[in-house]
Amino acid sequence: GLLTGRYKYEDKEKEQASCRFFGNSWAEVYRNRYWKKHHFDAIDLVQNSLQEAYGSERPSLTSAALRWMYHHSKLQ
């Protein structure tokens, strides 16, 4: 998804390999729902925060998202 870090907002109009957001019948549905500038701005904020907190030992966006879910889940 978007938290893999492999997507950029500006790439919306570029030709892409087939995936969730490009190249299949559901792609437009996903882009309309999730491909928002403010989502990408928020991802940039998370990336900057990770860089400030961890420096060269920074976890990936995916790892950071999973860590956050693990430590903030109300499930026991």
C-alpha atoms as a PDB file:
ATOM      1  CA  GLY A   1       0.000   0.000   0.000  1.00  0.00           C
ATOM      2  CA  LEU A   2       0.930   3.618   0.380  1.00  0.00           C
ATOM      3  CA  LEU A   3       3.081   2.922   3.440  1.00  0.00           C
ATOM      4  CA  THR A   4       5.554   0.881   1.423  1.00  0.00           C
ATOM      5  CA  GLY A   5       7.127   4.171   0.364  1.00  0.00           C
ATOM      6  CA  ARG A   6       7.300   3.149  -3.276  1.00  0.00           C
ATOM      7  CA  TYR A   7       4.550   5.496  -4.467  1.00  0.00           C
ATOM      8  CA  LYS A   8       4.806   9.250  -5.019  1.00  0.00           C
ATOM      9  CA  TYR A   9       1.792  11.521  -5.493  1.00  0.00           C
ATOM     10  CA  GLU A  10       3.285  12.922  -8.693  1.00  0.00           C
ATOM     11  CA  ASP A  11       3.388   9.426 -10.238  1.00  0.00           C
ATOM     12  CA  LYS A  12      -0.398   9.231 -10.572  1.00  0.00           C
ATOM     13  CA  GLU A  13      -0.371  10.122 -14.263  1.00  0.00           C
ATOM     14  CA  LYS A  14       2.733   8.097 -15.180  1.00  0.00           C
ATOM     15  CA  GLU A  15       2.523   4.627 -16.658  1.00  0.00           C
ATOM     16  CA  GLN A  16       2.993   2.071 -13.893  1.00  0.00           C
ATOM     17  CA  ALA A  17       3.331  -1.666 -13.560  1.00  0.00           C
ATOM     18  CA  SER A  18       0.104  -3.455 -12.691  1.00  0.00           C
ATOM     19  CA  CYS A  19      -0.599  -3.265  -8.956  1.00  0.00           C
ATOM     20  CA  ARG A  20      -3.314  -2.162  -6.546  1.00  0.00           C
ATOM     21  CA  PHE A  21      -3.281   1.425  -7.827  1.00  0.00           C
ATOM     22  CA  PHE A  22      -2.478   0.898 -11.511  1.00  0.00           C
ATOM     23  CA  GLY A  23      -3.217  -1.404 -14.414  1.00  0.00           C
ATOM     24  CA  ASN A  24      -6.403  -3.243 -13.455  1.00  0.00           C
ATOM     25  CA  SER A  25     -10.130  -2.623 -13.204  1.00  0.00           C
ATOM     26  CA  TRP A  26     -10.054  -1.827  -9.472  1.00  0.00           C
ATOM     27  CA  ALA A  27      -7.091   0.542  -9.724  1.00  0.00           C
ATOM     28  CA  GLU A  28      -9.190   3.648 -10.366  1.00  0.00           C
ATOM     29  CA  VAL A  29     -11.391   2.841  -7.356  1.00  0.00           C
ATOM     30  CA  TYR A  30      -8.331   2.598  -5.097  1.00  0.00           C
ATOM     31  CA  ARG A  31      -6.760   5.745  -6.550  1.00  0.00           C
ATOM     32  CA  ASN A  32      -9.975   7.723  -6.075  1.00  0.00           C
ATOM     33  CA  ARG A  33     -10.226   6.554  -2.483  1.00  0.00           C
ATOM     34  CA  TYR A  34      -6.621   6.760  -1.315  1.00  0.00           C
ATOM     35  CA  TRP A  35      -4.524   8.789  -3.788  1.00  0.00           C
ATOM     36  CA  LYS A  36      -4.930  12.122  -2.012  1.00  0.00           C
ATOM     37  CA  LYS A  37      -2.275  14.814  -1.655  1.00  0.00           C
ATOM     38  CA  HIS A  38      -2.847  15.062   2.104  1.00  0.00           C
ATOM     39  CA  HIS A  39      -2.181  11.316   2.493  1.00  0.00           C
ATOM     40  CA  PHE A  40       1.186  11.694   0.793  1.00  0.00           C
ATOM     41  CA  ASP A  41       1.955  14.802   2.863  1.00  0.00           C
ATOM     42  CA  ALA A  42       1.268  12.784   6.019  1.00  0.00           C
ATOM     43  CA  ILE A  43       3.551   9.989   4.800  1.00  0.00           C
ATOM     44  CA  ASP A  44       6.304  12.582   4.267  1.00  0.00           C
ATOM     45  CA  LEU A  45       5.817  13.773   7.859  1.00  0.00           C
ATOM     46  CA  VAL A  46       6.171  10.207   9.127  1.00  0.00           C
ATOM     47  CA  GLN A  47       9.313   9.668   7.034  1.00  0.00           C
ATOM     48  CA  ASN A  48      10.837  12.893   8.378  1.00  0.00           C
ATOM     49  CA  SER A  49       9.980  11.925  11.955  1.00  0.00           C
ATOM     50  CA  LEU A  50      11.550   8.503  11.484  1.00  0.00           C
ATOM     51  CA  GLN A  51      14.699  10.122  10.080  1.00  0.00           C
ATOM     52  CA  GLU A  52      14.923  12.509  13.042  1.00  0.00           C
ATOM     53  CA  ALA A  53      14.312   9.766  15.604  1.00  0.00           C
ATOM     54  CA  TYR A  54      16.426   6.966  14.125  1.00  0.00           C
ATOM     55  CA  GLY A  55      18.880   8.556  11.692  1.00  0.00           C
ATOM     56  CA  SER A  56      20.672   5.949   9.604  1.00  0.00           C
ATOM     57  CA  GLU A  57      18.990   3.147  11.589  1.00  0.00           C
ATOM     58  CA  ARG A  58      15.549   4.287  10.440  1.00  0.00           C
ATOM     59  CA  PRO A  59      12.958   1.501  10.024  1.00  0.00           C
ATOM     60  CA  SER A  60      10.967   1.244   6.806  1.00  0.00           C
ATOM     61  CA  LEU A  61       7.529   2.836   6.648  1.00  0.00           C
ATOM     62  CA  THR A  62       5.980  -0.630   6.643  1.00  0.00           C
ATOM     63  CA  SER A  63       7.945  -1.662   9.726  1.00  0.00           C
ATOM     64  CA  ALA A  64       7.071   1.588  11.499  1.00  0.00           C
ATOM     65  CA  ALA A  65       3.363   1.103  10.720  1.00  0.00           C
ATOM     66  CA  LEU A  66       3.407  -2.459  12.048  1.00  0.00           C
ATOM     67  CA  ARG A  67       5.311  -1.374  15.179  1.00  0.00           C
ATOM     68  CA  TRP A  68       2.773   1.378  15.799  1.00  0.00           C
ATOM     69  CA  MET A  69      -0.153  -1.045  15.444  1.00  0.00           C
ATOM     70  CA  TYR A  70       1.510  -3.556  17.778  1.00  0.00           C
ATOM     71  CA  HIS A  71       2.208  -0.996  20.506  1.00  0.00           C
ATOM     72  CA  HIS A  72      -1.080   0.925  20.227  1.00  0.00           C
ATOM     73  CA  SER A  73      -3.562  -1.871  19.697  1.00  0.00           C
ATOM     74  CA  LYS A  74      -6.338  -2.293  22.230  1.00  0.00           C
ATOM     75  CA  LEU A  75      -6.434  -6.007  21.409  1.00  0.00           C
ATOM     76  CA  GLN A  76      -4.845  -8.291  23.962  1.00  0.00           C
END
